[in-house]
């Protein structure tokens, strides 16, 4: 089996019995496979395009009512979820967060000399905002859940 056929079977399970790999089977590349996910009952989906200027810290600490899946188009995103170490996701990379109670600490531009752009699709629980900022008092109460900060 060729790498192309193996790729096609992973993205398109029916490819296993399809014979020679057709172009429609190799046109898609899996970028992210997240599990387990919980989508709130009655959720709606929203896809947004975000553009941060050089050095922009991004959205203050927040949470989403459902899972969010992102793809970095250009630049690099400084990404940090509660309980996970801060990381940088570069162009072509993906990120996801479970939504619900988890705090999303950072989503800003990791570059001081270039713009960063990403696209994110979010599942929003009915009657809840797509994004809810977290108060300073809640951040203090949950400080023990944040991964250790990188040293400067």
Protein backbone atom coordinates (compact mmCIF):
# COMPACT_ATOMS: atom_id res chain seq x y z
CA UNK A 1 0.00 0.00 0.00
CA UNK A 2 1.33 3.45 -0.88
CA UNK A 3 1.56 6.38 1.53
CA UNK A 4 -1.04 8.12 -0.62
CA UNK A 5 -3.44 5.18 -0.34
CA UNK A 6 -2.82 4.89 3.42
CA UNK A 7 -3.58 8.62 3.79
CA UNK A 8 -6.74 8.26 1.72
CA UNK A 9 -7.94 5.33 3.85
CA UNK A 10 -7.43 7.32 7.06
CA UNK A 11 -9.37 10.32 5.79
CA UNK A 12 -11.83 8.26 3.70
CA UNK A 13 -12.35 4.79 5.27
CA UNK A 14 -14.20 3.61 2.13
CA UNK A 15 -10.90 3.89 0.22
CA UNK A 16 -9.90 0.47 1.58
CA UNK A 17 -12.15 -1.23 -0.98
CA UNK A 18 -12.07 1.40 -3.71
CA UNK A 19 -9.17 0.05 -5.76
CA UNK A 20 -6.81 2.65 -7.21
CA UNK A 21 -6.84 5.86 -5.21
CA UNK A 22 -8.96 8.51 -6.91
CA UNK A 23 -7.99 12.17 -6.72
CA UNK A 24 -11.01 13.00 -4.55
CA UNK A 25 -9.57 10.65 -1.90
CA UNK A 26 -6.20 12.38 -1.81
CA UNK A 27 -7.44 15.97 -2.09
CA UNK A 28 -8.18 16.15 1.65
CA UNK A 29 -5.48 16.19 4.32
CA UNK A 30 -6.42 15.52 7.93
CA UNK A 31 -5.10 18.38 10.04
CA UNK A 32 -6.68 17.57 13.38
CA UNK A 33 -8.50 14.65 14.97
CA UNK A 34 -9.75 15.66 18.42
CA UNK A 35 -11.48 13.38 20.88
CA UNK A 36 -13.38 13.01 22.99
CA UNK A 37 -15.50 16.07 22.35
CA UNK A 38 -18.76 17.11 23.95
CA UNK A 39 -21.06 19.29 21.90
CA UNK A 40 -23.80 21.00 23.94
CA UNK A 41 -27.30 19.85 22.98
CA UNK A 42 -28.87 22.29 20.52
CA UNK A 43 -25.49 23.93 19.83
CA UNK A 44 -24.89 26.21 16.90
CA UNK A 45 -21.57 26.48 15.07
CA UNK A 46 -19.70 29.65 14.22
CA UNK A 47 -16.50 30.07 12.22
CA UNK A 48 -14.49 33.27 12.63
CA UNK A 49 -11.32 34.68 11.10
CA UNK A 50 -8.99 36.38 13.61
CA UNK A 51 -6.16 38.76 12.69
CA UNK A 52 -3.70 39.92 15.37
CA UNK A 53 -1.17 42.68 14.76
CA UNK A 54 2.48 42.03 15.77
CA UNK A 55 2.78 41.39 19.51
CA UNK A 56 -0.98 41.58 20.18
CA UNK A 57 -1.68 39.62 23.39
CA UNK A 58 -5.06 38.50 22.04
CA UNK A 59 -8.23 37.91 24.00
CA UNK A 60 -8.02 38.16 27.80
CA UNK A 61 -8.56 34.87 29.72
CA UNK A 62 -11.92 33.44 28.66
CA UNK A 63 -13.93 30.29 28.04
CA UNK A 64 -16.28 29.01 25.36
CA UNK A 65 -19.56 27.18 25.96
CA UNK A 66 -18.58 24.37 23.58
CA UNK A 67 -15.53 23.01 21.78
CA UNK A 68 -13.46 25.16 19.44
CA UNK A 69 -11.21 24.02 16.58
CA UNK A 70 -8.63 26.32 15.01
CA UNK A 71 -6.17 26.48 12.13
CA UNK A 72 -3.32 29.00 11.95
CA UNK A 73 -3.16 30.54 8.46
CA UNK A 74 -0.20 32.88 8.97
CA UNK A 75 2.18 33.71 11.79
CA UNK A 76 2.14 32.00 15.17
CA UNK A 77 -0.42 31.83 17.99
CA UNK A 78 0.61 31.74 21.65
CA UNK A 79 -1.90 29.21 22.96
CA UNK A 80 -2.59 28.19 26.54
CA UNK A 81 -5.43 26.20 28.08
CA UNK A 82 -5.98 25.56 31.76
CA UNK A 83 -3.83 22.65 32.93
CA UNK A 84 -1.66 22.61 29.79
CA UNK A 85 1.68 24.34 29.25
CA UNK A 86 1.79 27.39 27.02
CA UNK A 87 2.75 26.52 23.45
CA UNK A 88 3.19 28.26 20.12
CA UNK A 89 1.14 27.02 17.15
CA UNK A 90 2.75 28.07 13.88
CA UNK A 91 1.17 28.58 10.44
CA UNK A 92 -0.27 25.30 9.20
CA UNK A 93 -0.80 24.06 12.75
CA UNK A 94 -4.06 23.38 14.54
CA UNK A 95 -5.43 23.76 18.05
CA UNK A 96 -8.61 22.79 19.84
CA UNK A 97 -10.15 23.30 23.21
CA UNK A 98 -12.96 21.38 24.88
CA UNK A 99 -15.04 24.39 25.90
CA UNK A 100 -17.22 24.35 28.99
CA UNK A 101 -15.44 25.18 32.22
CA UNK A 102 -11.84 25.20 30.91
CA UNK A 103 -10.13 28.59 30.88
CA UNK A 104 -8.38 29.65 27.67
CA UNK A 105 -5.58 31.90 28.96
CA UNK A 106 -3.89 32.93 25.72
CA UNK A 107 -4.57 33.12 21.99
CA UNK A 108 -2.40 36.09 21.01
CA UNK A 109 0.25 36.74 18.38
CA UNK A 110 3.53 35.07 19.37
CA UNK A 111 5.42 37.25 16.88
CA UNK A 112 6.58 40.82 17.53
CA UNK A 113 7.37 41.54 13.87
CA UNK A 114 4.55 40.01 11.83
CA UNK A 115 0.77 39.61 11.76
CA UNK A 116 -0.90 36.36 12.78
CA UNK A 117 -4.15 35.03 11.33
CA UNK A 118 -6.19 32.01 12.29
CA UNK A 119 -9.63 30.56 11.66
CA UNK A 120 -11.59 28.98 14.47
CA UNK A 121 -14.90 27.08 14.45
CA UNK A 122 -16.77 27.05 17.75
CA UNK A 123 -19.81 25.15 18.95
CA UNK A 124 -21.96 27.45 21.06
CA UNK A 125 -24.47 26.26 23.65
CA UNK A 126 -27.94 27.75 23.13
CA UNK A 127 -28.55 30.92 25.11
CA UNK A 128 -24.88 31.27 26.10
CA UNK A 129 -22.35 33.71 24.70
CA UNK A 130 -19.74 32.38 22.30
CA UNK A 131 -17.03 33.84 24.53
CA UNK A 132 -17.14 34.70 28.24
CA UNK A 133 -14.30 36.63 29.90
CA UNK A 134 -13.04 35.23 33.20
CA UNK A 135 -12.90 37.59 36.20
CA UNK A 136 -9.68 38.34 38.10
CA UNK A 137 -11.19 36.74 41.23
CA UNK A 138 -11.93 33.48 39.38
CA UNK A 139 -8.42 33.47 37.91
CA UNK A 140 -7.03 33.79 41.45
CA UNK A 141 -9.30 30.99 42.75
CA UNK A 142 -8.21 28.65 39.95
CA UNK A 143 -4.52 29.62 39.86
CA UNK A 144 -3.57 26.13 41.09
CA UNK A 145 -5.03 24.66 37.86
CA UNK A 146 -2.77 26.70 35.56
CA UNK A 147 0.36 24.97 34.25
CA UNK A 148 3.68 26.44 35.44
CA UNK A 149 4.64 29.59 33.54
CA UNK A 150 7.76 29.54 31.33
CA UNK A 151 10.69 31.39 32.84
CA UNK A 152 11.68 34.62 31.11
